[in-house]
């Protein structure tokens, strides 16, 4: 078969050097090409694929190849996960630093606010004079023994509660809170009553 193919190839080479001047020569050339391709196809069809014997050595070799491929794939996955973890770590550290900065800013704002507020309240809202109040009271009315606190102290309690427990900023009204000061805060929108418990008030969150 291979000899026939070589013979066809020689004829094609000889024909290729000649000038084809008519259609018969071209047809003859095409026929010979078809015959050569047919012979080559027939030869390939007769060939049987070589089957690798599955002995122990071959199986070990194939297993090693698969293991190396699996190891390579796992190393790629591990590298990807490590990169993502590193990125997450950097993001968490950045967010943590930002939160710390915000907390410091809030604390500084709170301290400045308390100082400014204290100076203003001490000048304009002093502690009520209990001696004057007693003169206006009848002798048969029992006077509260609770020690009243200044408006500054009331606001400081409300402000600390607002910043320290933002999810529950309400404070229970005690006897030490002077009622006129409570009404003053409520009337001017500085403090708010609890919607379900009128004995609790909170400071309005002006910083939000």
C-alpha atoms as a PDB file:
ATOM      1  CA  UNK A   1       0.000   0.000   0.000  1.00  0.00           C
ATOM      2  CA  UNK A   2       2.772   2.401   0.889  1.00  0.00           C
ATOM      3  CA  UNK A   3       4.501   1.564  -2.384  1.00  0.00           C
ATOM      4  CA  UNK A   4       1.338   2.532  -4.295  1.00  0.00           C
ATOM      5  CA  UNK A   5       1.237   5.818  -2.414  1.00  0.00           C
ATOM      6  CA  UNK A   6       4.891   6.528  -3.209  1.00  0.00           C
ATOM      7  CA  UNK A   7       4.243   5.751  -6.871  1.00  0.00           C
ATOM      8  CA  UNK A   8       1.319   8.170  -6.918  1.00  0.00           C
ATOM      9  CA  UNK A   9       3.470  10.815  -5.276  1.00  0.00           C
ATOM     10  CA  UNK A  10       6.178  10.395  -7.942  1.00  0.00           C
ATOM     11  CA  UNK A  11       3.613  10.716 -10.712  1.00  0.00           C
ATOM     12  CA  UNK A  12       2.200  13.834  -9.086  1.00  0.00           C
ATOM     13  CA  UNK A  13       5.679  15.330  -8.866  1.00  0.00           C
ATOM     14  CA  UNK A  14       6.321  14.670 -12.540  1.00  0.00           C
ATOM     15  CA  UNK A  15       2.951  16.040 -13.527  1.00  0.00           C
ATOM     16  CA  UNK A  16       3.497  19.125 -11.393  1.00  0.00           C
ATOM     17  CA  UNK A  17       6.559  20.091 -13.439  1.00  0.00           C
ATOM     18  CA  UNK A  18       4.631  19.982 -16.689  1.00  0.00           C
ATOM     19  CA  UNK A  19       2.313  22.658 -17.935  1.00  0.00           C
ATOM     20  CA  UNK A  20      -1.273  21.491 -18.167  1.00  0.00           C
ATOM     21  CA  UNK A  21      -2.789  22.945 -21.284  1.00  0.00           C
ATOM     22  CA  UNK A  22      -6.077  21.095 -21.488  1.00  0.00           C
ATOM     23  CA  UNK A  23      -8.887  19.958 -19.195  1.00  0.00           C
ATOM     24  CA  UNK A  24      -8.043  16.268 -19.591  1.00  0.00           C
ATOM     25  CA  UNK A  25      -4.650  16.763 -17.977  1.00  0.00           C
ATOM     26  CA  UNK A  26      -6.222  18.605 -15.034  1.00  0.00           C
ATOM     27  CA  UNK A  27      -8.829  15.885 -14.621  1.00  0.00           C
ATOM     28  CA  UNK A  28      -6.156  13.217 -14.645  1.00  0.00           C
ATOM     29  CA  UNK A  29      -4.243  15.082 -11.953  1.00  0.00           C
ATOM     30  CA  UNK A  30      -7.318  15.336  -9.733  1.00  0.00           C
ATOM     31  CA  UNK A  31      -8.074  11.638 -10.150  1.00  0.00           C
ATOM     32  CA  UNK A  32      -4.577  10.681  -9.053  1.00  0.00           C
ATOM     33  CA  UNK A  33      -4.858  12.976  -6.009  1.00  0.00           C
ATOM     34  CA  UNK A  34      -8.135  11.318  -5.034  1.00  0.00           C
ATOM     35  CA  UNK A  35      -6.568   7.879  -5.367  1.00  0.00           C
ATOM     36  CA  UNK A  36      -3.646   8.841  -3.164  1.00  0.00           C
ATOM     37  CA  UNK A  37      -5.924  10.304  -0.476  1.00  0.00           C
ATOM     38  CA  UNK A  38      -8.143   7.238  -0.629  1.00  0.00           C
ATOM     39  CA  UNK A  39      -5.146   4.948  -0.199  1.00  0.00           C
ATOM     40  CA  UNK A  40      -3.919   6.987   2.768  1.00  0.00           C
ATOM     41  CA  UNK A  41      -7.357   6.899   4.383  1.00  0.00           C
ATOM     42  CA  UNK A  42      -7.561   3.163   3.932  1.00  0.00           C
ATOM     43  CA  UNK A  43      -4.167   2.723   5.561  1.00  0.00           C
ATOM     44  CA  UNK A  44      -5.176   4.809   8.593  1.00  0.00           C
ATOM     45  CA  UNK A  45      -8.392   2.846   8.965  1.00  0.00           C
ATOM     46  CA  UNK A  46      -6.420  -0.383   9.207  1.00  0.00           C
ATOM     47  CA  UNK A  47      -4.235   0.982  11.990  1.00  0.00           C
ATOM     48  CA  UNK A  48      -5.209  -0.008  15.541  1.00  0.00           C
ATOM     49  CA  UNK A  49      -4.577   2.419  18.418  1.00  0.00           C
ATOM     50  CA  UNK A  50      -1.903   1.306  20.816  1.00  0.00           C
ATOM     51  CA  UNK A  51      -3.370   0.406  24.190  1.00  0.00           C
ATOM     52  CA  UNK A  52      -1.153   1.048  27.186  1.00  0.00           C
ATOM     53  CA  UNK A  53      -1.038  -2.038  29.400  1.00  0.00           C
ATOM     54  CA  UNK A  54      -2.468  -1.284  32.818  1.00  0.00           C
ATOM     55  CA  UNK A  55       0.257  -2.852  34.885  1.00  0.00           C
ATOM     56  CA  UNK A  56       1.302  -1.645  38.326  1.00  0.00           C
ATOM     57  CA  UNK A  57       4.054   0.619  37.037  1.00  0.00           C
ATOM     58  CA  UNK A  58       1.736   2.351  34.578  1.00  0.00           C
ATOM     59  CA  UNK A  59      -0.937   2.793  37.240  1.00  0.00           C
ATOM     60  CA  UNK A  60       1.601   4.307  39.638  1.00  0.00           C
ATOM     61  CA  UNK A  61       2.796   6.705  36.934  1.00  0.00           C
ATOM     62  CA  UNK A  62      -0.755   7.760  36.060  1.00  0.00           C
ATOM     63  CA  UNK A  63      -1.569   8.146  39.756  1.00  0.00           C
ATOM     64  CA  UNK A  64       1.453  10.381  40.286  1.00  0.00           C
ATOM     65  CA  UNK A  65       0.448  12.540  37.331  1.00  0.00           C
ATOM     66  CA  UNK A  66      -3.105  12.922  38.661  1.00  0.00           C
ATOM     67  CA  UNK A  67      -1.772  13.645  42.144  1.00  0.00           C
ATOM     68  CA  UNK A  68       0.568  16.330  40.832  1.00  0.00           C
ATOM     69  CA  UNK A  69      -2.286  17.912  38.886  1.00  0.00           C
ATOM     70  CA  UNK A  70      -4.564  17.820  41.933  1.00  0.00           C
ATOM     71  CA  UNK A  71      -1.810  19.258  44.117  1.00  0.00           C
ATOM     72  CA  UNK A  72      -1.244  22.071  41.639  1.00  0.00           C
ATOM     73  CA  UNK A  73      -4.971  22.879  41.572  1.00  0.00           C
ATOM     74  CA  UNK A  74      -5.179  22.852  45.380  1.00  0.00           C
ATOM     75  CA  UNK A  75      -2.161  25.135  45.650  1.00  0.00           C
ATOM     76  CA  UNK A  76      -3.880  27.592  43.319  1.00  0.00           C
ATOM     77  CA  UNK A  77      -7.047  27.465  45.439  1.00  0.00           C
ATOM     78  CA  UNK A  78      -5.018  27.924  48.644  1.00  0.00           C
ATOM     79  CA  UNK A  79      -3.162  30.882  47.166  1.00  0.00           C
ATOM     80  CA  UNK A  80      -6.447  32.501  46.143  1.00  0.00           C
ATOM     81  CA  UNK A  81      -7.975  31.998  49.602  1.00  0.00           C
ATOM     82  CA  UNK A  82      -4.874  33.371  51.320  1.00  0.00           C
ATOM     83  CA  UNK A  83      -4.985  36.455  49.103  1.00  0.00           C
ATOM     84  CA  UNK A  84      -8.660  37.017  49.945  1.00  0.00           C
ATOM     85  CA  UNK A  85      -7.987  36.522  53.660  1.00  0.00           C
ATOM     86  CA  UNK A  86      -5.167  39.044  53.529  1.00  0.00           C
ATOM     87  CA  UNK A  87      -7.453  41.525  51.790  1.00  0.00           C
ATOM     88  CA  UNK A  88     -10.177  40.958  54.407  1.00  0.00           C
ATOM     89  CA  UNK A  89      -7.635  41.433  57.194  1.00  0.00           C
ATOM     90  CA  UNK A  90      -6.527  44.736  55.703  1.00  0.00           C
ATOM     91  CA  UNK A  91     -10.149  45.863  55.329  1.00  0.00           C
ATOM     92  CA  UNK A  92     -10.954  44.941  58.934  1.00  0.00           C
ATOM     93  CA  UNK A  93      -7.911  46.800  60.240  1.00  0.00           C
ATOM     94  CA  UNK A  94      -8.849  49.856  58.179  1.00  0.00           C
ATOM     95  CA  UNK A  95     -12.458  49.787  59.423  1.00  0.00           C
ATOM     96  CA  UNK A  96     -11.271  49.306  63.008  1.00  0.00           C
ATOM     97  CA  UNK A  97      -8.962  52.320  62.720  1.00  0.00           C
ATOM     98  CA  UNK A  98     -11.776  54.402  61.232  1.00  0.00           C
ATOM     99  CA  UNK A  99     -14.125  53.443  64.074  1.00  0.00           C
ATOM    100  CA  UNK A 100     -11.485  54.293  66.677  1.00  0.00           C
ATOM    101  CA  UNK A 101     -10.973  57.669  65.042  1.00  0.00           C
ATOM    102  CA  UNK A 102     -14.713  58.332  65.035  1.00  0.00           C
ATOM    103  CA  UNK A 103     -14.981  57.304  68.694  1.00  0.00           C
ATOM    104  CA  UNK A 104     -12.182  59.684  69.642  1.00  0.00           C
ATOM    105  CA  UNK A 105     -13.879  62.477  67.720  1.00  0.00           C
ATOM    106  CA  UNK A 106     -17.183  61.770  69.482  1.00  0.00           C
ATOM    107  CA  UNK A 107     -15.517  61.762  72.905  1.00  0.00           C
ATOM    108  CA  UNK A 108     -13.753  65.041  72.168  1.00  0.00           C
ATOM    109  CA  UNK A 109     -17.021  66.544  70.961  1.00  0.00           C
ATOM    110  CA  UNK A 110     -18.745  65.316  74.112  1.00  0.00           C
ATOM    111  CA  UNK A 111     -16.097  66.816  76.416  1.00  0.00           C
ATOM    112  CA  UNK A 112     -16.155  70.173  74.640  1.00  0.00           C
ATOM    113  CA  UNK A 113     -19.936  70.191  74.719  1.00  0.00           C
ATOM    114  CA  UNK A 114     -20.036  69.439  78.438  1.00  0.00           C
ATOM    115  CA  UNK A 115     -17.524  72.176  79.237  1.00  0.00           C
ATOM    116  CA  UNK A 116     -19.302  74.802  77.143  1.00  0.00           C
ATOM    117  CA  UNK A 117     -22.699  73.733  78.392  1.00  0.00           C
ATOM    118  CA  UNK A 118     -21.559  73.732  82.008  1.00  0.00           C
ATOM    119  CA  UNK A 119     -20.220  77.273  81.794  1.00  0.00           C
ATOM    120  CA  UNK A 120     -23.434  78.524  80.221  1.00  0.00           C
ATOM    121  CA  UNK A 121     -25.767  76.735  82.641  1.00  0.00           C
ATOM    122  CA  UNK A 122     -23.876  77.792  85.766  1.00  0.00           C
ATOM    123  CA  UNK A 123     -24.347  81.410  84.752  1.00  0.00           C
ATOM    124  CA  UNK A 124     -27.985  81.274  83.639  1.00  0.00           C
ATOM    125  CA  UNK A 125     -29.558  78.289  85.429  1.00  0.00           C
ATOM    126  CA  UNK A 126     -28.266  78.032  88.996  1.00  0.00           C
ATOM    127  CA  UNK A 127     -29.510  75.505  91.507  1.00  0.00           C
ATOM    128  CA  UNK A 128     -32.901  76.584  92.930  1.00  0.00           C
ATOM    129  CA  UNK A 129     -32.805  78.192  96.367  1.00  0.00           C
ATOM    130  CA  UNK A 130     -34.425  75.668  98.707  1.00  0.00           C
ATOM    131  CA  UNK A 131     -34.810  78.262 101.459  1.00  0.00           C
ATOM    132  CA  UNK A 132     -36.945  80.441  99.219  1.00  0.00           C
ATOM    133  CA  UNK A 133     -39.039  77.458  98.201  1.00  0.00           C
ATOM    134  CA  UNK A 134     -39.666  76.471 101.802  1.00  0.00           C
ATOM    135  CA  UNK A 135     -41.012  79.912 102.609  1.00  0.00           C
ATOM    136  CA  UNK A 136     -43.592  79.548  99.854  1.00  0.00           C
ATOM    137  CA  UNK A 137     -44.682  76.101 101.061  1.00  0.00           C
ATOM    138  CA  UNK A 138     -47.265  75.554 103.719  1.00  0.00           C
ATOM    139  CA  UNK A 139     -45.974  74.038 106.893  1.00  0.00           C
ATOM    140  CA  UNK A 140     -48.352  71.039 106.649  1.00  0.00           C
ATOM    141  CA  UNK A 141     -46.960  69.895 103.270  1.00  0.00           C
ATOM    142  CA  UNK A 142     -44.158  67.367 103.516  1.00  0.00           C
ATOM    143  CA  UNK A 143     -41.040  68.606 101.751  1.00  0.00           C
ATOM    144  CA  UNK A 144     -39.039  66.176  99.596  1.00  0.00           C
ATOM    145  CA  UNK A 145     -35.768  65.206 101.199  1.00  0.00           C
ATOM    146  CA  UNK A 146     -34.084  64.510  97.856  1.00  0.00           C
ATOM    147  CA  UNK A 147     -31.071  66.666  97.039  1.00  0.00           C
ATOM    148  CA  UNK A 148     -31.832  68.624  93.880  1.00  0.00           C
ATOM    149  CA  UNK A 149     -29.210  68.707  91.165  1.00  0.00           C
ATOM    150  CA  UNK A 150     -28.379  71.537  88.794  1.00  0.00           C
ATOM    151  CA  UNK A 151     -29.588  71.715  85.224  1.00  0.00           C
ATOM    152  CA  UNK A 152     -25.994  71.151  84.184  1.00  0.00           C
ATOM    153  CA  UNK A 153     -25.895  67.889  86.134  1.00  0.00           C
ATOM    154  CA  UNK A 154     -29.232  66.789  84.661  1.00  0.00           C
ATOM    155  CA  UNK A 155     -27.999  67.381  81.135  1.00  0.00           C
ATOM    156  CA  UNK A 156     -24.723  65.633  81.886  1.00  0.00           C
ATOM    157  CA  UNK A 157     -26.620  62.537  83.066  1.00  0.00           C
ATOM    158  CA  UNK A 158     -28.780  62.567  79.931  1.00  0.00           C
ATOM    159  CA  UNK A 159     -25.792  63.173  77.690  1.00  0.00           C
ATOM    160  CA  UNK A 160     -23.747  60.356  79.220  1.00  0.00           C
ATOM    161  CA  UNK A 161     -26.669  57.992  78.814  1.00  0.00           C
ATOM    162  CA  UNK A 162     -27.104  59.017  75.181  1.00  0.00           C
ATOM    163  CA  UNK A 163     -23.472  58.301  74.300  1.00  0.00           C
ATOM    164  CA  UNK A 164     -22.872  55.304  76.564  1.00  0.00           C
ATOM    165  CA  UNK A 165     -26.115  53.419  75.832  1.00  0.00           C
ATOM    166  CA  UNK A 166     -27.298  54.717  72.452  1.00  0.00           C
ATOM    167  CA  UNK A 167     -29.755  51.830  71.987  1.00  0.00           C
ATOM    168  CA  UNK A 168     -31.595  52.828  75.213  1.00  0.00           C
ATOM    169  CA  UNK A 169     -30.878  56.509  75.977  1.00  0.00           C
ATOM    170  CA  UNK A 170     -33.826  57.053  78.349  1.00  0.00           C
ATOM    171  CA  UNK A 171     -33.250  58.032  81.987  1.00  0.00           C
ATOM    172  CA  UNK A 172     -35.681  57.514  84.862  1.00  0.00           C
ATOM    173  CA  UNK A 173     -36.829  60.824  86.331  1.00  0.00           C
ATOM    174  CA  UNK A 174     -35.784  60.932  89.978  1.00  0.00           C
ATOM    175  CA  UNK A 175     -36.742  63.268  92.817  1.00  0.00           C
ATOM    176  CA  UNK A 176     -33.432  65.068  92.358  1.00  0.00           C
ATOM    177  CA  UNK A 177     -34.635  66.394  88.979  1.00  0.00           C
ATOM    178  CA  UNK A 178     -36.263  69.782  89.519  1.00  0.00           C
ATOM    179  CA  UNK A 179     -39.647  69.683  87.658  1.00  0.00           C
ATOM    180  CA  UNK A 180     -39.350  73.217  86.191  1.00  0.00           C
ATOM    181  CA  UNK A 181     -36.042  72.215  84.597  1.00  0.00           C
ATOM    182  CA  UNK A 182     -37.615  69.044  83.201  1.00  0.00           C
ATOM    183  CA  UNK A 183     -40.450  71.051  81.656  1.00  0.00           C
ATOM    184  CA  UNK A 184     -37.935  73.549  80.302  1.00  0.00           C
ATOM    185  CA  UNK A 185     -36.034  70.797  78.487  1.00  0.00           C
ATOM    186  CA  UNK A 186     -39.211  69.182  77.150  1.00  0.00           C
ATOM    187  CA  UNK A 187     -40.813  72.450  76.048  1.00  0.00           C
ATOM    188  CA  UNK A 188     -37.750  73.517  74.057  1.00  0.00           C
ATOM    189  CA  UNK A 189     -37.248  70.135  72.371  1.00  0.00           C
ATOM    190  CA  UNK A 190     -33.980  69.454  74.178  1.00  0.00           C
ATOM    191  CA  UNK A 191     -35.386  66.347  75.863  1.00  0.00           C
ATOM    192  CA  UNK A 192     -38.103  63.872  74.870  1.00  0.00           C
ATOM    193  CA  UNK A 193     -40.404  61.687  76.934  1.00  0.00           C
ATOM    194  CA  UNK A 194     -40.544  57.940  76.400  1.00  0.00           C
ATOM    195  CA  UNK A 195     -43.608  57.159  74.225  1.00  0.00           C
ATOM    196  CA  UNK A 196     -44.770  54.416  76.620  1.00  0.00           C
ATOM    197  CA  UNK A 197     -43.363  55.612  79.954  1.00  0.00           C
ATOM    198  CA  UNK A 198     -43.761  59.326  80.833  1.00  0.00           C
ATOM    199  CA  UNK A 199     -41.437  58.926  83.831  1.00  0.00           C
ATOM    200  CA  UNK A 200     -38.463  58.426  81.539  1.00  0.00           C
ATOM    201  CA  UNK A 201     -36.833  61.068  79.360  1.00  0.00           C
ATOM    202  CA  UNK A 202     -33.968  61.187  76.932  1.00  0.00           C
ATOM    203  CA  UNK A 203     -31.792  63.847  75.365  1.00  0.00           C
ATOM    204  CA  UNK A 204     -32.487  64.716  71.739  1.00  0.00           C
ATOM    205  CA  UNK A 205     -29.722  63.281  69.499  1.00  0.00           C
ATOM    206  CA  UNK A 206     -28.654  66.534  67.830  1.00  0.00           C
ATOM    207  CA  UNK A 207     -25.331  65.010  66.709  1.00  0.00           C
ATOM    208  CA  UNK A 208     -27.005  62.490  64.368  1.00  0.00           C
END
